[in-house]
N, C-alpha and C. Protein backbone atom coordinates (compact mmCIF):
# COMPACT_ATOMS: atom_id res chain seq x y z
N MET A 1 -208.30 -73.78 62.97
CA MET A 1 -206.89 -73.44 63.11
C MET A 1 -206.07 -74.43 62.28
N PHE A 2 -205.10 -73.93 61.53
CA PHE A 2 -204.23 -74.77 60.72
C PHE A 2 -203.26 -75.53 61.61
N LYS A 3 -202.78 -76.68 61.12
CA LYS A 3 -201.86 -77.51 61.89
C LYS A 3 -200.61 -76.72 62.29
N LYS A 4 -200.04 -75.94 61.34
CA LYS A 4 -198.81 -75.20 61.69
C LYS A 4 -199.08 -74.14 62.76
N ASP A 5 -200.29 -73.56 62.75
CA ASP A 5 -200.64 -72.60 63.80
C ASP A 5 -200.79 -73.30 65.15
N LEU A 6 -201.38 -74.49 65.11
CA LEU A 6 -201.54 -75.27 66.34
C LEU A 6 -200.18 -75.70 66.88
N ASP A 7 -199.29 -76.13 65.98
CA ASP A 7 -197.93 -76.51 66.39
C ASP A 7 -197.20 -75.32 67.02
N LEU A 8 -197.36 -74.14 66.42
CA LEU A 8 -196.74 -72.94 66.96
C LEU A 8 -197.26 -72.66 68.37
N GLU A 9 -198.56 -72.74 68.56
CA GLU A 9 -199.14 -72.47 69.88
C GLU A 9 -198.69 -73.50 70.92
N ILE A 10 -198.57 -74.76 70.51
CA ILE A 10 -198.08 -75.80 71.43
C ILE A 10 -196.65 -75.50 71.84
N ARG A 11 -195.81 -75.19 70.87
CA ARG A 11 -194.40 -74.85 71.17
C ARG A 11 -194.31 -73.59 72.03
N TRP A 12 -195.15 -72.59 71.71
CA TRP A 12 -195.15 -71.34 72.46
C TRP A 12 -195.54 -71.58 73.92
N ASN A 13 -196.59 -72.38 74.12
CA ASN A 13 -197.04 -72.68 75.48
C ASN A 13 -195.98 -73.45 76.27
N LYS A 14 -195.26 -74.35 75.60
CA LYS A 14 -194.16 -75.07 76.26
C LYS A 14 -193.07 -74.10 76.68
N LEU A 15 -192.72 -73.17 75.80
CA LEU A 15 -191.70 -72.17 76.13
C LEU A 15 -192.14 -71.35 77.34
N CYS A 16 -193.36 -70.86 77.31
CA CYS A 16 -193.86 -70.03 78.42
C CYS A 16 -193.90 -70.81 79.73
N ALA A 17 -194.29 -72.07 79.66
CA ALA A 17 -194.30 -72.91 80.86
C ALA A 17 -192.88 -73.09 81.39
N GLY A 18 -191.93 -73.33 80.50
CA GLY A 18 -190.53 -73.48 80.91
C GLY A 18 -189.97 -72.21 81.53
N LEU A 19 -190.30 -71.07 80.93
CA LEU A 19 -189.87 -69.79 81.49
C LEU A 19 -190.51 -69.57 82.86
N GLY A 20 -191.76 -69.97 82.98
CA GLY A 20 -192.45 -69.85 84.26
C GLY A 20 -191.77 -70.66 85.35
N GLU A 21 -191.33 -71.86 85.00
CA GLU A 21 -190.61 -72.69 85.98
C GLU A 21 -189.28 -72.05 86.37
N MET A 22 -188.58 -71.50 85.38
CA MET A 22 -187.28 -70.87 85.64
C MET A 22 -187.40 -69.60 86.46
N LEU A 23 -188.39 -68.80 86.13
CA LEU A 23 -188.50 -67.46 86.71
C LEU A 23 -189.48 -67.37 87.88
N GLY A 24 -190.25 -68.42 88.09
CA GLY A 24 -191.22 -68.41 89.18
C GLY A 24 -192.55 -67.79 88.81
N LYS A 25 -192.65 -67.28 87.58
CA LYS A 25 -193.90 -66.68 87.11
C LYS A 25 -193.95 -66.84 85.60
N LYS A 26 -195.06 -67.42 85.11
CA LYS A 26 -195.21 -67.64 83.68
C LYS A 26 -195.45 -66.30 82.98
N PRO A 27 -194.70 -66.02 81.90
CA PRO A 27 -194.95 -64.78 81.16
C PRO A 27 -196.38 -64.74 80.64
N SER A 28 -196.98 -63.57 80.72
CA SER A 28 -198.40 -63.42 80.39
C SER A 28 -198.67 -63.31 78.89
N ASP A 29 -197.67 -62.83 78.12
CA ASP A 29 -197.89 -62.63 76.69
C ASP A 29 -196.56 -62.46 75.97
N LEU A 30 -196.64 -62.20 74.68
CA LEU A 30 -195.45 -62.02 73.85
C LEU A 30 -194.58 -60.88 74.37
N ASN A 31 -195.19 -59.77 74.77
CA ASN A 31 -194.41 -58.63 75.27
C ASN A 31 -193.59 -59.01 76.51
N ALA A 32 -194.16 -59.82 77.37
CA ALA A 32 -193.43 -60.25 78.57
C ALA A 32 -192.21 -61.08 78.19
N VAL A 33 -192.36 -61.95 77.19
CA VAL A 33 -191.23 -62.77 76.74
C VAL A 33 -190.19 -61.88 76.07
N LEU A 34 -190.64 -60.92 75.29
CA LEU A 34 -189.69 -59.99 74.66
C LEU A 34 -188.93 -59.20 75.72
N PHE A 35 -189.59 -58.80 76.78
CA PHE A 35 -188.92 -58.10 77.87
C PHE A 35 -187.83 -58.99 78.48
N ILE A 36 -188.15 -60.26 78.70
CA ILE A 36 -187.17 -61.20 79.26
C ILE A 36 -185.95 -61.31 78.34
N ILE A 37 -186.19 -61.41 77.04
CA ILE A 37 -185.09 -61.49 76.08
C ILE A 37 -184.27 -60.21 76.12
N GLY A 38 -184.94 -59.07 76.18
CA GLY A 38 -184.23 -57.79 76.23
C GLY A 38 -183.33 -57.69 77.45
N VAL A 39 -183.83 -58.11 78.59
CA VAL A 39 -183.02 -58.10 79.82
C VAL A 39 -181.82 -59.03 79.64
N GLN A 40 -182.06 -60.20 79.06
CA GLN A 40 -180.98 -61.16 78.81
C GLN A 40 -179.92 -60.55 77.89
N GLU A 41 -180.36 -59.92 76.83
CA GLU A 41 -179.43 -59.35 75.85
C GLU A 41 -178.66 -58.16 76.42
N LEU A 42 -179.30 -57.39 77.29
CA LEU A 42 -178.61 -56.26 77.91
C LEU A 42 -177.52 -56.77 78.84
N GLY A 43 -177.81 -57.89 79.52
CA GLY A 43 -176.79 -58.54 80.34
C GLY A 43 -176.49 -57.87 81.66
N LYS A 44 -177.40 -57.08 82.18
CA LYS A 44 -177.15 -56.38 83.44
C LYS A 44 -178.01 -56.92 84.58
N GLY A 45 -178.72 -58.02 84.33
CA GLY A 45 -179.61 -58.56 85.35
C GLY A 45 -180.95 -57.85 85.33
N ASN A 46 -181.82 -58.30 86.21
CA ASN A 46 -183.17 -57.73 86.27
C ASN A 46 -183.18 -56.54 87.22
N LEU A 47 -182.81 -55.39 86.69
CA LEU A 47 -182.78 -54.16 87.47
C LEU A 47 -184.17 -53.52 87.47
N ALA A 48 -184.28 -52.42 88.17
CA ALA A 48 -185.51 -51.61 88.09
C ALA A 48 -185.37 -50.73 86.85
N PHE A 49 -186.25 -50.94 85.88
CA PHE A 49 -186.18 -50.19 84.63
C PHE A 49 -187.35 -49.21 84.55
N SER A 50 -187.08 -48.05 83.96
CA SER A 50 -188.15 -47.08 83.72
C SER A 50 -189.04 -47.61 82.60
N LYS A 51 -190.19 -46.98 82.42
CA LYS A 51 -191.10 -47.37 81.35
C LYS A 51 -190.40 -47.29 80.00
N GLU A 52 -189.66 -46.22 79.78
CA GLU A 52 -188.94 -46.04 78.52
C GLU A 52 -187.88 -47.12 78.33
N GLU A 53 -187.16 -47.46 79.40
CA GLU A 53 -186.15 -48.52 79.32
C GLU A 53 -186.80 -49.87 79.02
N LYS A 54 -187.98 -50.12 79.59
CA LYS A 54 -188.68 -51.37 79.30
C LYS A 54 -189.05 -51.45 77.82
N GLN A 55 -189.48 -50.33 77.25
CA GLN A 55 -189.78 -50.30 75.81
C GLN A 55 -188.50 -50.53 75.00
N ASP A 56 -187.40 -49.92 75.44
CA ASP A 56 -186.12 -50.12 74.77
C ASP A 56 -185.68 -51.58 74.84
N LEU A 57 -185.91 -52.23 75.98
CA LEU A 57 -185.55 -53.64 76.13
C LEU A 57 -186.36 -54.51 75.18
N MET A 58 -187.63 -54.21 75.02
CA MET A 58 -188.45 -54.98 74.08
C MET A 58 -188.00 -54.73 72.64
N HIS A 59 -187.57 -53.50 72.35
CA HIS A 59 -187.04 -53.20 71.01
C HIS A 59 -185.75 -53.99 70.76
N ILE A 60 -184.88 -54.04 71.76
CA ILE A 60 -183.65 -54.83 71.65
C ILE A 60 -184.00 -56.28 71.33
N ALA A 61 -184.99 -56.81 72.03
CA ALA A 61 -185.40 -58.20 71.82
C ALA A 61 -185.93 -58.42 70.41
N VAL A 62 -186.79 -57.52 69.94
CA VAL A 62 -187.35 -57.66 68.59
C VAL A 62 -186.22 -57.64 67.56
N CYS A 63 -185.29 -56.72 67.71
CA CYS A 63 -184.17 -56.64 66.77
C CYS A 63 -183.32 -57.91 66.82
N LYS A 64 -183.04 -58.38 68.02
CA LYS A 64 -182.23 -59.59 68.18
C LYS A 64 -182.89 -60.78 67.51
N VAL A 65 -184.17 -61.02 67.80
CA VAL A 65 -184.81 -62.21 67.24
C VAL A 65 -184.99 -62.09 65.72
N LEU A 66 -185.27 -60.89 65.23
CA LEU A 66 -185.43 -60.71 63.79
C LEU A 66 -184.09 -60.69 63.05
N SER A 67 -183.00 -60.58 63.80
CA SER A 67 -181.68 -60.65 63.17
C SER A 67 -181.43 -62.04 62.60
N TYR A 68 -182.11 -63.06 63.12
CA TYR A 68 -181.94 -64.42 62.59
C TYR A 68 -182.41 -64.53 61.15
N SER A 69 -183.31 -63.67 60.74
CA SER A 69 -183.79 -63.68 59.36
C SER A 69 -183.18 -62.53 58.55
N GLY A 70 -182.18 -61.89 59.10
CA GLY A 70 -181.45 -60.86 58.36
C GLY A 70 -182.12 -59.50 58.29
N PHE A 71 -183.10 -59.25 59.16
CA PHE A 71 -183.75 -57.94 59.14
C PHE A 71 -182.92 -56.88 59.86
N TYR A 72 -182.24 -57.28 60.91
CA TYR A 72 -181.43 -56.35 61.71
C TYR A 72 -180.04 -56.92 61.89
N GLU A 73 -179.09 -56.01 62.14
CA GLU A 73 -177.78 -56.44 62.58
C GLU A 73 -177.33 -55.48 63.68
N LEU A 74 -176.50 -56.00 64.56
CA LEU A 74 -176.02 -55.18 65.66
C LEU A 74 -175.13 -54.09 65.11
N GLY A 75 -175.47 -52.85 65.43
CA GLY A 75 -174.66 -51.71 64.98
C GLY A 75 -173.51 -51.45 65.93
N PHE A 76 -173.86 -51.22 67.21
CA PHE A 76 -172.83 -50.95 68.21
C PHE A 76 -173.45 -51.07 69.60
N ILE A 77 -172.59 -51.11 70.58
CA ILE A 77 -173.01 -51.09 71.98
C ILE A 77 -172.53 -49.77 72.55
N ASP A 78 -173.44 -48.99 73.13
CA ASP A 78 -173.06 -47.66 73.62
C ASP A 78 -172.28 -47.74 74.93
N GLN A 79 -171.87 -46.58 75.43
CA GLN A 79 -171.02 -46.50 76.62
C GLN A 79 -171.71 -47.05 77.87
N ASP A 80 -173.03 -47.13 77.85
CA ASP A 80 -173.78 -47.68 78.99
C ASP A 80 -174.07 -49.16 78.83
N GLY A 81 -173.58 -49.76 77.74
CA GLY A 81 -173.76 -51.18 77.52
C GLY A 81 -175.03 -51.57 76.78
N TRP A 82 -175.75 -50.57 76.25
CA TRP A 82 -177.00 -50.86 75.54
C TRP A 82 -176.70 -51.12 74.07
N PRO A 83 -177.18 -52.25 73.53
CA PRO A 83 -176.98 -52.53 72.10
C PRO A 83 -177.89 -51.66 71.23
N HIS A 84 -177.36 -51.29 70.09
CA HIS A 84 -178.11 -50.51 69.10
C HIS A 84 -178.08 -51.29 67.80
N TRP A 85 -179.25 -51.52 67.25
CA TRP A 85 -179.40 -52.34 66.06
C TRP A 85 -179.71 -51.46 64.86
N LYS A 86 -179.35 -51.95 63.67
CA LYS A 86 -179.73 -51.22 62.47
C LYS A 86 -180.53 -52.14 61.56
N LEU A 87 -181.56 -51.58 60.98
CA LEU A 87 -182.42 -52.29 60.03
C LEU A 87 -181.64 -52.45 58.74
N ILE A 88 -181.54 -53.69 58.25
CA ILE A 88 -180.79 -53.89 57.01
C ILE A 88 -181.65 -54.46 55.88
N LYS A 89 -182.85 -54.88 56.23
CA LYS A 89 -183.78 -55.41 55.23
C LYS A 89 -185.19 -55.01 55.66
N ALA A 90 -185.96 -54.50 54.73
CA ALA A 90 -187.32 -54.04 55.05
C ALA A 90 -188.16 -55.18 55.63
N LEU A 91 -188.90 -54.84 56.66
CA LEU A 91 -189.81 -55.81 57.26
C LEU A 91 -191.03 -55.99 56.37
N PRO A 92 -191.58 -57.21 56.31
CA PRO A 92 -192.77 -57.42 55.49
C PRO A 92 -193.98 -56.72 56.10
N HIS A 93 -194.92 -56.35 55.25
CA HIS A 93 -196.17 -55.75 55.73
C HIS A 93 -197.11 -56.89 56.09
N LEU A 94 -197.37 -57.04 57.38
CA LEU A 94 -198.21 -58.11 57.88
C LEU A 94 -199.28 -57.53 58.79
N ASP A 95 -200.41 -58.23 58.87
CA ASP A 95 -201.42 -57.79 59.83
C ASP A 95 -200.95 -58.18 61.23
N THR A 96 -201.67 -57.74 62.23
CA THR A 96 -201.26 -57.93 63.62
C THR A 96 -201.09 -59.41 63.97
N VAL A 97 -202.01 -60.25 63.51
CA VAL A 97 -201.94 -61.68 63.81
C VAL A 97 -200.68 -62.29 63.19
N GLU A 98 -200.41 -61.95 61.94
CA GLU A 98 -199.23 -62.49 61.26
C GLU A 98 -197.93 -61.95 61.88
N GLN A 99 -197.94 -60.69 62.31
CA GLN A 99 -196.76 -60.12 62.99
C GLN A 99 -196.46 -60.92 64.26
N GLU A 100 -197.51 -61.21 65.02
CA GLU A 100 -197.32 -61.95 66.26
C GLU A 100 -196.80 -63.35 65.98
N LYS A 101 -197.33 -64.01 64.96
CA LYS A 101 -196.84 -65.35 64.59
C LYS A 101 -195.36 -65.30 64.22
N MET A 102 -195.01 -64.30 63.40
CA MET A 102 -193.62 -64.17 62.97
C MET A 102 -192.71 -63.96 64.17
N LEU A 103 -193.11 -63.09 65.08
CA LEU A 103 -192.29 -62.84 66.27
C LEU A 103 -192.19 -64.07 67.15
N LYS A 104 -193.29 -64.78 67.34
CA LYS A 104 -193.25 -65.99 68.16
C LYS A 104 -192.31 -67.03 67.56
N LEU A 105 -192.36 -67.20 66.25
CA LEU A 105 -191.44 -68.15 65.60
C LEU A 105 -189.99 -67.75 65.82
N HIS A 106 -189.71 -66.46 65.72
CA HIS A 106 -188.34 -65.98 65.92
C HIS A 106 -187.93 -66.08 67.38
N VAL A 107 -188.84 -65.86 68.31
CA VAL A 107 -188.54 -66.02 69.74
C VAL A 107 -188.20 -67.48 70.03
N LEU A 108 -188.97 -68.40 69.47
CA LEU A 108 -188.68 -69.82 69.66
C LEU A 108 -187.29 -70.14 69.11
N GLU A 109 -186.97 -69.59 67.95
CA GLU A 109 -185.64 -69.80 67.36
C GLU A 109 -184.55 -69.22 68.28
N TYR A 110 -184.82 -68.08 68.86
CA TYR A 110 -183.86 -67.47 69.79
C TYR A 110 -183.53 -68.44 70.92
N PHE A 111 -184.55 -68.98 71.57
CA PHE A 111 -184.29 -69.87 72.70
C PHE A 111 -183.62 -71.16 72.25
N GLU A 112 -183.95 -71.63 71.05
CA GLU A 112 -183.31 -72.83 70.55
C GLU A 112 -181.83 -72.58 70.25
N LYS A 113 -181.51 -71.43 69.66
CA LYS A 113 -180.12 -71.13 69.29
C LYS A 113 -179.30 -70.67 70.49
N GLU A 114 -179.83 -69.76 71.26
CA GLU A 114 -179.05 -69.16 72.35
C GLU A 114 -178.90 -70.09 73.54
N PHE A 115 -179.86 -70.96 73.74
CA PHE A 115 -179.83 -71.82 74.92
C PHE A 115 -179.80 -73.30 74.54
N GLU A 116 -179.62 -73.56 73.23
CA GLU A 116 -179.54 -74.92 72.72
C GLU A 116 -180.64 -75.80 73.29
N THR A 117 -181.85 -75.27 73.24
CA THR A 117 -183.02 -75.96 73.75
C THR A 117 -184.00 -76.16 72.61
N GLU A 118 -184.33 -77.41 72.32
CA GLU A 118 -185.31 -77.67 71.28
C GLU A 118 -186.70 -77.64 71.92
N ILE A 119 -187.59 -76.88 71.31
CA ILE A 119 -188.94 -76.73 71.84
C ILE A 119 -189.91 -77.35 70.84
N ASN A 120 -190.30 -78.56 71.11
CA ASN A 120 -191.24 -79.28 70.23
C ASN A 120 -192.54 -79.55 70.93
């Protein structure tokens, strides 16, 4: 494993541990963290969401975190309060491992920017 990959995993594990302390349960994977971000971005609290709404929340999270690199921008918020994002720059073609790394880096950036928390 490369040093930068090891550093990413250390930072990721610290984030997950911190979320676990806050929420009472450590997120199990990247999708769980994306769900948490989606709920946060929706701003309606942790309601009972349908399977489709849970997928929408994860999509909101992906768009939000990738907006830091200029891939998405917020288009509008609909009458029900759900944000809608628009793709403004093509996403790179990456394999699954690289996609996950990219998302984890952006998730870490999200928590650092939105909550002014440095995760080292």
